[in-house]
């Protein structure tokens, strides 16, 4: 995922994604991601997400998780 902005603020976090959800994302045509924190929120639309993200996730899913 990539997005450009000028800011000295940097945050990180982790989420749990079930195998079923990962499969749905890996087989999606497009995705958008909304991240909500306690004080801020950001939405990453299709145009903000690298074109290679879904194909790479699908390849990872097929190789490491899928049967």
Protein backbone atom coordinates (compact mmCIF):
# COMPACT_ATOMS: atom_id res chain seq x y z
CA UNK A 1 0.00 0.00 0.00
CA UNK A 2 1.35 3.43 -0.70
CA UNK A 3 0.20 6.97 -0.10
CA UNK A 4 2.11 10.22 -0.12
CA UNK A 5 1.69 13.06 2.32
CA UNK A 6 3.91 15.54 4.08
CA UNK A 7 3.87 14.81 7.77
CA UNK A 8 6.31 14.08 10.55
CA UNK A 9 3.66 11.83 12.13
CA UNK A 10 4.14 8.09 11.79
CA UNK A 11 2.00 5.33 13.27
CA UNK A 12 2.09 1.55 13.05
CA UNK A 13 -0.31 -1.19 14.01
CA UNK A 14 -1.25 -4.82 13.55
CA UNK A 15 -4.55 -6.51 12.80
CA UNK A 16 -5.72 -10.11 12.70
CA UNK A 17 -7.07 -11.30 9.35
CA UNK A 18 -8.80 -14.67 9.26
CA UNK A 19 -7.91 -17.16 6.53
CA UNK A 20 -11.41 -16.69 5.08
CA UNK A 21 -10.99 -12.90 4.96
CA UNK A 22 -7.52 -13.23 3.44
CA UNK A 23 -8.93 -15.51 0.75
CA UNK A 24 -11.69 -12.98 -0.03
CA UNK A 25 -9.14 -10.16 -0.31
CA UNK A 26 -6.77 -12.26 -2.43
CA UNK A 27 -9.59 -13.02 -4.89
CA UNK A 28 -11.06 -9.50 -4.97
CA UNK A 29 -11.03 -7.40 -8.14
CA UNK A 30 -10.53 -4.16 -6.17
CA UNK A 31 -10.27 -3.16 -2.52
CA UNK A 32 -10.37 -0.08 -0.33
CA UNK A 33 -9.01 0.03 3.21
CA UNK A 34 -10.28 2.20 6.07
CA UNK A 35 -8.11 2.50 9.16
CA UNK A 36 -9.60 4.04 12.28
CA UNK A 37 -7.64 5.00 15.36
CA UNK A 38 -8.69 6.72 18.54
CA UNK A 39 -8.11 10.20 17.14
CA UNK A 40 -7.57 9.80 13.41
CA UNK A 41 -8.88 7.82 10.45
CA UNK A 42 -7.67 7.30 6.89
CA UNK A 43 -9.20 5.67 3.83
CA UNK A 44 -7.06 4.16 1.10
CA UNK A 45 -9.07 3.84 -2.10
CA UNK A 46 -8.23 1.65 -5.08
CA UNK A 47 -6.07 4.42 -6.56
CA UNK A 48 -3.98 4.60 -3.36
CA UNK A 49 -3.13 0.87 -3.27
CA UNK A 50 -0.29 -0.51 -5.38
CA UNK A 51 -1.55 -2.36 -8.48
CA UNK A 52 0.64 -5.33 -7.50
CA UNK A 53 -0.83 -5.71 -3.99
CA UNK A 54 -3.75 -8.05 -4.82
CA UNK A 55 -1.78 -10.20 -7.30
CA UNK A 56 1.07 -10.54 -4.77
CA UNK A 57 -1.37 -11.41 -1.98
CA UNK A 58 -3.11 -13.95 -4.24
CA UNK A 59 0.24 -15.58 -5.06
CA UNK A 60 1.19 -15.68 -1.36
CA UNK A 61 -2.21 -17.12 -0.45
CA UNK A 62 -1.99 -19.82 -3.15
CA UNK A 63 1.56 -20.81 -2.19
CA UNK A 64 1.43 -20.64 1.61
CA UNK A 65 -2.22 -21.13 2.61
CA UNK A 66 -4.41 -22.41 -0.24
CA UNK A 67 -4.57 -26.05 -1.09
